[in-house]
Amino acid sequence: MATPALLELSGVSRTYGEREALAPIDLKLHARRCVVLLGANGSGKSTLLRIACGRDTPTSGTVRLGGSALTEEDVRVRTQIGVVGDQVGYYPDLTVAEHLHLVAVAHGAGDEADELVAGALVDCRLDEHADALPGSLSSGQTQALLLASVLVRPRRLLVLDEPEQRLDPAARDWLAGVLAAEKQAGTALLIATHHTDLAAAVADRVVVLREGEVVADGKPDRVLAGDIA
């Protein structure tokens, strides 16, 4: 028997006024799998991500998480979905470690908070900056802090909007390793990116969007080689 999808989008579209930002799309994502969305700015990637994580409501279609409908008010958005967006968000008066501890406790970590924070600091190469204020971090370190913030909370699904932004090529290799480890641990990943190297490293499926429509969809090696049009 086939394993049920963790995330399932059926006929999902999004229209703003008269502008169709996203044409109807179907997408299934299972645990331990990664779907990467490729496309230029305005292609519909971020719109699809917002709908997938319950931050926007589709004009048509349905979104299901674990077999039941997902809404913006759904508690599972908080307890099962971790989001790394394209905007920086942190508590400026808290140190890096304090920020992560607050996030962990707010999401129910309890006695495990210290261990989770210590692990995230190491995994995201921030252990030497644990006592620094976020405002003193480099752009790449700030991006690492955003990723660390989802690693200290419960998650079955990670939704990442251009997680490689602000990272140099070496740091993007590190990011690919972290995401591969998340997938191996059982997390499902939905990623929007401009970088085909990240897609090649972590994706099980690549979907290419252009002006809100899917123009290619398939295995990374075929899509990235241009074998699917």
C-alpha atoms as a PDB file:
ATOM      1  CA  MET A   1       0.000   0.000   0.000  1.00  0.00           C
ATOM      2  CA  ALA A   2       1.336   3.418  -0.952  1.00  0.00           C
ATOM      3  CA  THR A   3       2.290   5.741   1.879  1.00  0.00           C
ATOM      4  CA  PRO A   4      -0.159   8.671   2.167  1.00  0.00           C
ATOM      5  CA  ALA A   5       1.226  12.093   1.302  1.00  0.00           C
ATOM      6  CA  LEU A   6       2.019  14.390   4.209  1.00  0.00           C
ATOM      7  CA  LEU A   7       1.118  17.476   2.152  1.00  0.00           C
ATOM      8  CA  GLU A   8      -1.340  17.403  -0.727  1.00  0.00           C
ATOM      9  CA  LEU A   9      -2.374  20.348  -2.894  1.00  0.00           C
ATOM     10  CA  SER A  10      -5.238  19.660  -5.299  1.00  0.00           C
ATOM     11  CA  GLY A  11      -6.202  22.163  -7.982  1.00  0.00           C
ATOM     12  CA  VAL A  12      -4.723  25.001  -5.949  1.00  0.00           C
ATOM     13  CA  SER A  13      -4.724  28.443  -7.584  1.00  0.00           C
ATOM     14  CA  ARG A  14      -4.402  32.036  -6.403  1.00  0.00           C
ATOM     15  CA  THR A  15      -5.817  35.169  -7.992  1.00  0.00           C
ATOM     16  CA  TYR A  16      -5.311  38.730  -6.769  1.00  0.00           C
ATOM     17  CA  GLY A  17      -7.965  40.899  -8.347  1.00  0.00           C
ATOM     18  CA  GLU A  18      -7.763  40.098 -12.037  1.00  0.00           C
ATOM     19  CA  ARG A  19      -4.181  38.824 -11.864  1.00  0.00           C
ATOM     20  CA  GLU A  20      -3.664  35.086 -11.708  1.00  0.00           C
ATOM     21  CA  ALA A  21      -0.549  34.631  -9.573  1.00  0.00           C
ATOM     22  CA  LEU A  22      -0.801  30.850  -9.602  1.00  0.00           C
ATOM     23  CA  ALA A  23      -2.630  28.654 -12.101  1.00  0.00           C
ATOM     24  CA  PRO A  24      -4.224  25.448 -10.755  1.00  0.00           C
ATOM     25  CA  ILE A  25      -1.564  23.033  -9.553  1.00  0.00           C
ATOM     26  CA  ASP A  26      -1.497  19.576  -7.976  1.00  0.00           C
ATOM     27  CA  LEU A  27       1.358  18.623  -5.683  1.00  0.00           C
ATOM     28  CA  LYS A  28       2.017  15.776  -3.263  1.00  0.00           C
ATOM     29  CA  LEU A  29       4.872  15.675  -0.778  1.00  0.00           C
ATOM     30  CA  HIS A  30       5.778  12.710   1.395  1.00  0.00           C
ATOM     31  CA  ALA A  31       7.928  12.414   4.494  1.00  0.00           C
ATOM     32  CA  ARG A  32      11.654  12.100   3.711  1.00  0.00           C
ATOM     33  CA  ARG A  33      11.114  13.755   0.338  1.00  0.00           C
ATOM     34  CA  CYS A  34      11.986  17.168  -1.071  1.00  0.00           C
ATOM     35  CA  VAL A  35      10.219  19.146  -3.776  1.00  0.00           C
ATOM     36  CA  VAL A  36      12.096  22.164  -5.119  1.00  0.00           C
ATOM     37  CA  LEU A  37      10.340  25.010  -6.927  1.00  0.00           C
ATOM     38  CA  LEU A  38      12.461  26.823  -9.493  1.00  0.00           C
ATOM     39  CA  GLY A  39      11.568  30.047 -11.255  1.00  0.00           C
ATOM     40  CA  ALA A  40      12.262  33.744 -11.589  1.00  0.00           C
ATOM     41  CA  ASN A  41      10.817  36.404  -9.310  1.00  0.00           C
ATOM     42  CA  GLY A  42       7.078  36.626  -9.909  1.00  0.00           C
ATOM     43  CA  SER A  43       6.818  33.057 -11.159  1.00  0.00           C
ATOM     44  CA  GLY A  44       4.476  31.994  -8.357  1.00  0.00           C
ATOM     45  CA  LYS A  45       6.958  30.174  -6.108  1.00  0.00           C
ATOM     46  CA  SER A  46       6.374  32.260  -2.991  1.00  0.00           C
ATOM     47  CA  THR A  47       2.610  32.252  -3.527  1.00  0.00           C
ATOM     48  CA  LEU A  48       2.638  28.468  -3.621  1.00  0.00           C
ATOM     49  CA  LEU A  49       4.763  28.306  -0.465  1.00  0.00           C
ATOM     50  CA  ARG A  50       2.439  30.627   1.456  1.00  0.00           C
ATOM     51  CA  ILE A  51      -0.547  28.494   0.525  1.00  0.00           C
ATOM     52  CA  ALA A  52       1.274  25.269   1.387  1.00  0.00           C
ATOM     53  CA  CYS A  53       2.095  26.423   4.917  1.00  0.00           C
ATOM     54  CA  GLY A  54      -1.315  27.926   5.663  1.00  0.00           C
ATOM     55  CA  ARG A  55      -0.291  31.568   5.428  1.00  0.00           C
ATOM     56  CA  ASP A  56      -2.533  32.282   2.447  1.00  0.00           C
ATOM     57  CA  THR A  57      -5.848  30.880   1.265  1.00  0.00           C
ATOM     58  CA  PRO A  58      -6.097  29.540  -2.283  1.00  0.00           C
ATOM     59  CA  THR A  59      -8.694  31.013  -4.612  1.00  0.00           C
ATOM     60  CA  SER A  60      -9.559  27.482  -5.662  1.00  0.00           C
ATOM     61  CA  GLY A  61      -8.501  24.004  -4.668  1.00  0.00           C
ATOM     62  CA  THR A  62      -7.664  22.345  -1.371  1.00  0.00           C
ATOM     63  CA  VAL A  63      -4.629  21.922   0.869  1.00  0.00           C
ATOM     64  CA  ARG A  64      -4.398  18.872   3.100  1.00  0.00           C
ATOM     65  CA  LEU A  65      -1.810  18.134   5.777  1.00  0.00           C
ATOM     66  CA  GLY A  66      -1.737  14.616   7.120  1.00  0.00           C
ATOM     67  CA  GLY A  67      -4.988  13.851   5.348  1.00  0.00           C
ATOM     68  CA  SER A  68      -7.129  16.710   6.668  1.00  0.00           C
ATOM     69  CA  ALA A  69      -7.779  20.234   5.413  1.00  0.00           C
ATOM     70  CA  LEU A  70      -5.267  22.925   6.375  1.00  0.00           C
ATOM     71  CA  THR A  71      -6.396  26.455   7.250  1.00  0.00           C
ATOM     72  CA  GLU A  72      -4.634  29.608   8.434  1.00  0.00           C
ATOM     73  CA  GLU A  73      -6.012  29.098  11.968  1.00  0.00           C
ATOM     74  CA  ASP A  74      -5.009  25.430  12.111  1.00  0.00           C
ATOM     75  CA  VAL A  75      -2.884  24.666  15.183  1.00  0.00           C
ATOM     76  CA  ARG A  76      -0.806  22.323  13.024  1.00  0.00           C
ATOM     77  CA  VAL A  77       0.685  25.348  11.274  1.00  0.00           C
ATOM     78  CA  ARG A  78       2.383  26.043  14.598  1.00  0.00           C
ATOM     79  CA  THR A  79       3.154  22.491  15.685  1.00  0.00           C
ATOM     80  CA  GLN A  80       4.076  20.679  12.466  1.00  0.00           C
ATOM     81  CA  ILE A  81       5.320  23.235   9.920  1.00  0.00           C
ATOM     82  CA  GLY A  82       8.582  25.148  10.138  1.00  0.00           C
ATOM     83  CA  VAL A  83       8.985  28.119   7.801  1.00  0.00           C
ATOM     84  CA  VAL A  84      12.125  29.945   6.701  1.00  0.00           C
ATOM     85  CA  GLY A  85      10.904  33.003   4.820  1.00  0.00           C
ATOM     86  CA  ASP A  86      12.597  35.599   2.669  1.00  0.00           C
ATOM     87  CA  GLN A  87      12.535  38.205   5.441  1.00  0.00           C
ATOM     88  CA  VAL A  88      14.720  38.414   8.525  1.00  0.00           C
ATOM     89  CA  GLY A  89      12.928  38.046  11.851  1.00  0.00           C
ATOM     90  CA  TYR A  90      14.541  37.897  15.292  1.00  0.00           C
ATOM     91  CA  TYR A  91      14.458  39.494  18.727  1.00  0.00           C
ATOM     92  CA  PRO A  92      17.117  42.264  18.546  1.00  0.00           C
ATOM     93  CA  ASP A  93      17.637  42.537  22.314  1.00  0.00           C
ATOM     94  CA  LEU A  94      18.197  38.818  22.858  1.00  0.00           C
ATOM     95  CA  THR A  95      21.425  36.982  22.167  1.00  0.00           C
ATOM     96  CA  VAL A  96      21.463  34.288  19.515  1.00  0.00           C
ATOM     97  CA  ALA A  97      21.177  31.565  22.160  1.00  0.00           C
ATOM     98  CA  GLU A  98      18.427  33.405  24.037  1.00  0.00           C
ATOM     99  CA  HIS A  99      16.445  33.880  20.842  1.00  0.00           C
ATOM    100  CA  LEU A 100      16.660  30.184  20.013  1.00  0.00           C
ATOM    101  CA  HIS A 101      15.760  29.190  23.566  1.00  0.00           C
ATOM    102  CA  LEU A 102      12.679  31.407  23.461  1.00  0.00           C
ATOM    103  CA  VAL A 103      11.579  29.882  20.158  1.00  0.00           C
ATOM    104  CA  ALA A 104      12.115  26.365  21.497  1.00  0.00           C
ATOM    105  CA  VAL A 105      10.161  26.984  24.697  1.00  0.00           C
ATOM    106  CA  ALA A 106       7.364  28.786  22.838  1.00  0.00           C
ATOM    107  CA  HIS A 107       6.916  25.653  20.734  1.00  0.00           C
ATOM    108  CA  GLY A 108       6.758  23.307  23.700  1.00  0.00           C
ATOM    109  CA  ALA A 109      10.359  22.101  24.003  1.00  0.00           C
ATOM    110  CA  GLY A 110      10.291  22.109  27.811  1.00  0.00           C
ATOM    111  CA  ASP A 111      13.270  20.366  29.401  1.00  0.00           C
ATOM    112  CA  GLU A 112      14.716  19.593  25.965  1.00  0.00           C
ATOM    113  CA  ALA A 113      15.158  23.265  25.070  1.00  0.00           C
ATOM    114  CA  ASP A 114      18.807  23.536  26.122  1.00  0.00           C
ATOM    115  CA  GLU A 115      19.771  20.420  24.176  1.00  0.00           C
ATOM    116  CA  LEU A 116      17.872  21.554  21.086  1.00  0.00           C
ATOM    117  CA  VAL A 117      19.499  24.986  21.179  1.00  0.00           C
ATOM    118  CA  ALA A 118      22.982  23.543  21.622  1.00  0.00           C
ATOM    119  CA  GLY A 119      22.466  21.203  18.674  1.00  0.00           C
ATOM    120  CA  ALA A 120      21.090  23.928  16.418  1.00  0.00           C
ATOM    121  CA  LEU A 121      23.979  26.259  17.269  1.00  0.00           C
ATOM    122  CA  VAL A 122      26.467  23.595  16.188  1.00  0.00           C
ATOM    123  CA  ASP A 123      24.516  22.460  13.122  1.00  0.00           C
ATOM    124  CA  CYS A 124      24.148  26.052  11.912  1.00  0.00           C
ATOM    125  CA  ARG A 125      27.730  27.011  12.768  1.00  0.00           C
ATOM    126  CA  LEU A 126      26.629  29.619  15.277  1.00  0.00           C
ATOM    127  CA  ASP A 127      28.146  28.103  18.425  1.00  0.00           C
ATOM    128  CA  GLU A 128      30.880  30.759  18.507  1.00  0.00           C
ATOM    129  CA  HIS A 129      28.215  33.464  18.245  1.00  0.00           C
ATOM    130  CA  ALA A 130      25.822  32.163  20.908  1.00  0.00           C
ATOM    131  CA  ASP A 131      26.269  35.259  23.082  1.00  0.00           C
ATOM    132  CA  ALA A 132      26.173  37.762  20.207  1.00  0.00           C
ATOM    133  CA  LEU A 133      23.217  39.986  19.423  1.00  0.00           C
ATOM    134  CA  PRO A 134      21.601  39.167  16.067  1.00  0.00           C
ATOM    135  CA  GLY A 135      22.292  42.677  14.778  1.00  0.00           C
ATOM    136  CA  SER A 136      26.029  42.018  14.964  1.00  0.00           C
ATOM    137  CA  LEU A 137      25.884  38.948  12.726  1.00  0.00           C
ATOM    138  CA  SER A 138      26.932  38.890   9.096  1.00  0.00           C
ATOM    139  CA  SER A 139      24.242  38.393   6.468  1.00  0.00           C
ATOM    140  CA  GLY A 140      25.148  34.724   6.121  1.00  0.00           C
ATOM    141  CA  GLN A 141      25.089  34.195   9.879  1.00  0.00           C
ATOM    142  CA  THR A 142      21.698  35.894  10.051  1.00  0.00           C
ATOM    143  CA  GLN A 143      20.381  33.460   7.463  1.00  0.00           C
ATOM    144  CA  ALA A 144      21.824  30.612   9.527  1.00  0.00           C
ATOM    145  CA  LEU A 145      19.957  31.955  12.567  1.00  0.00           C
ATOM    146  CA  LEU A 146      16.683  31.823  10.645  1.00  0.00           C
ATOM    147  CA  LEU A 147      17.343  28.176   9.821  1.00  0.00           C
ATOM    148  CA  ALA A 148      18.382  27.399  13.404  1.00  0.00           C
ATOM    149  CA  SER A 149      15.078  28.868  14.573  1.00  0.00           C
ATOM    150  CA  VAL A 150      13.137  26.098  12.830  1.00  0.00           C
ATOM    151  CA  LEU A 151      15.532  23.382  13.974  1.00  0.00           C
ATOM    152  CA  VAL A 152      14.622  23.967  17.634  1.00  0.00           C
ATOM    153  CA  ARG A 153      10.886  23.467  17.114  1.00  0.00           C
ATOM    154  CA  PRO A 154       8.668  20.486  16.189  1.00  0.00           C
ATOM    155  CA  ARG A 155       8.328  19.929  12.457  1.00  0.00           C
ATOM    156  CA  ARG A 156       7.066  17.376   9.994  1.00  0.00           C
ATOM    157  CA  LEU A 157       7.293  19.805   7.081  1.00  0.00           C
ATOM    158  CA  LEU A 158       9.862  22.497   6.355  1.00  0.00           C
ATOM    159  CA  VAL A 159       8.884  25.262   3.934  1.00  0.00           C
ATOM    160  CA  LEU A 160      11.849  27.354   2.817  1.00  0.00           C
ATOM    161  CA  ASP A 161      11.732  30.433   0.590  1.00  0.00           C
ATOM    162  CA  GLU A 162      15.157  30.957  -0.970  1.00  0.00           C
ATOM    163  CA  PRO A 163      17.060  29.653   2.081  1.00  0.00           C
ATOM    164  CA  GLU A 164      20.365  30.095   0.244  1.00  0.00           C
ATOM    165  CA  GLN A 165      20.013  33.882   0.007  1.00  0.00           C
ATOM    166  CA  ARG A 166      22.826  35.768   1.753  1.00  0.00           C
ATOM    167  CA  LEU A 167      25.000  32.622   1.612  1.00  0.00           C
ATOM    168  CA  ASP A 168      28.248  32.277  -0.315  1.00  0.00           C
ATOM    169  CA  PRO A 169      28.894  29.112  -2.383  1.00  0.00           C
ATOM    170  CA  ALA A 170      30.657  27.306   0.474  1.00  0.00           C
ATOM    171  CA  ALA A 171      27.809  28.100   2.844  1.00  0.00           C
ATOM    172  CA  ARG A 172      25.309  26.833   0.274  1.00  0.00           C
ATOM    173  CA  ASP A 173      27.104  23.482   0.370  1.00  0.00           C
ATOM    174  CA  TRP A 174      26.706  23.493   4.153  1.00  0.00           C
ATOM    175  CA  LEU A 175      23.001  24.326   3.755  1.00  0.00           C
ATOM    176  CA  ALA A 176      22.510  21.410   1.386  1.00  0.00           C
ATOM    177  CA  GLY A 177      24.027  19.117   4.002  1.00  0.00           C
ATOM    178  CA  VAL A 178      21.703  20.385   6.734  1.00  0.00           C
ATOM    179  CA  LEU A 179      18.649  19.952   4.516  1.00  0.00           C
ATOM    180  CA  ALA A 180      19.737  16.462   3.462  1.00  0.00           C
ATOM    181  CA  ALA A 181      20.043  15.520   7.141  1.00  0.00           C
ATOM    182  CA  GLU A 182      16.553  16.875   7.812  1.00  0.00           C
ATOM    183  CA  LYS A 183      15.172  14.766   4.989  1.00  0.00           C
ATOM    184  CA  GLN A 184      16.970  11.693   6.290  1.00  0.00           C
ATOM    185  CA  ALA A 185      15.446  12.314   9.732  1.00  0.00           C
ATOM    186  CA  GLY A 186      11.961  12.108   8.227  1.00  0.00           C
ATOM    187  CA  THR A 187      11.098  15.740   7.516  1.00  0.00           C
ATOM    188  CA  ALA A 188       9.389  16.686   4.256  1.00  0.00           C
ATOM    189  CA  LEU A 189      10.911  19.698   2.479  1.00  0.00           C
ATOM    190  CA  LEU A 190       9.293  22.219   0.131  1.00  0.00           C
ATOM    191  CA  ILE A 191      11.857  24.720  -1.140  1.00  0.00           C
ATOM    192  CA  ALA A 192      11.747  27.696  -3.497  1.00  0.00           C
ATOM    193  CA  THR A 193      15.111  28.699  -4.926  1.00  0.00           C
ATOM    194  CA  HIS A 194      16.901  30.305  -7.852  1.00  0.00           C
ATOM    195  CA  HIS A 195      19.885  27.965  -7.506  1.00  0.00           C
ATOM    196  CA  THR A 196      19.903  24.771  -9.531  1.00  0.00           C
ATOM    197  CA  ASP A 197      22.861  23.453  -7.513  1.00  0.00           C
ATOM    198  CA  LEU A 198      20.711  23.336  -4.373  1.00  0.00           C
ATOM    199  CA  ALA A 199      17.957  21.602  -6.315  1.00  0.00           C
ATOM    200  CA  ALA A 200      20.414  19.037  -7.654  1.00  0.00           C
ATOM    201  CA  ALA A 201      21.747  18.369  -4.157  1.00  0.00           C
ATOM    202  CA  VAL A 202      18.514  17.829  -2.219  1.00  0.00           C
ATOM    203  CA  ALA A 203      15.466  17.517  -4.506  1.00  0.00           C
ATOM    204  CA  ASP A 204      13.536  14.364  -5.309  1.00  0.00           C
ATOM    205  CA  ARG A 205      11.270  16.361  -7.625  1.00  0.00           C
ATOM    206  CA  VAL A 206      11.739  19.712  -9.327  1.00  0.00           C
ATOM    207  CA  VAL A 207       8.847  21.914 -10.443  1.00  0.00           C
ATOM    208  CA  VAL A 208       9.648  24.873 -12.690  1.00  0.00           C
ATOM    209  CA  LEU A 209       7.198  27.775 -12.606  1.00  0.00           C
ATOM    210  CA  ARG A 210       6.848  30.634 -15.078  1.00  0.00           C
ATOM    211  CA  GLU A 211       4.236  33.383 -14.665  1.00  0.00           C
ATOM    212  CA  GLY A 212       2.238  31.197 -12.310  1.00  0.00           C
ATOM    213  CA  GLU A 213       2.187  28.096 -14.494  1.00  0.00           C
ATOM    214  CA  VAL A 214       4.120  24.835 -14.321  1.00  0.00           C
ATOM    215  CA  VAL A 215       6.412  24.548 -17.343  1.00  0.00           C
ATOM    216  CA  ALA A 216       8.472  21.541 -16.216  1.00  0.00           C
ATOM    217  CA  ASP A 217       7.995  18.883 -13.564  1.00  0.00           C
ATOM    218  CA  GLY A 218       9.970  15.739 -12.860  1.00  0.00           C
ATOM    219  CA  LYS A 219      13.155  14.162 -11.550  1.00  0.00           C
ATOM    220  CA  PRO A 220      15.972  16.671 -10.912  1.00  0.00           C
ATOM    221  CA  ASP A 221      18.394  15.188 -13.436  1.00  0.00           C
ATOM    222  CA  ARG A 222      15.878  15.392 -16.277  1.00  0.00           C
ATOM    223  CA  VAL A 223      14.405  18.800 -15.423  1.00  0.00           C
ATOM    224  CA  LEU A 224      17.773  20.436 -14.792  1.00  0.00           C
ATOM    225  CA  ALA A 225      19.122  18.987 -18.029  1.00  0.00           C
ATOM    226  CA  GLY A 226      16.185  20.494 -19.903  1.00  0.00           C
ATOM    227  CA  ASP A 227      14.787  17.115 -20.941  1.00  0.00           C
ATOM    228  CA  ILE A 228      11.278  18.065 -19.786  1.00  0.00           C
ATOM    229  CA  ALA A 229       9.570  21.078 -21.376  1.00  0.00           C
END
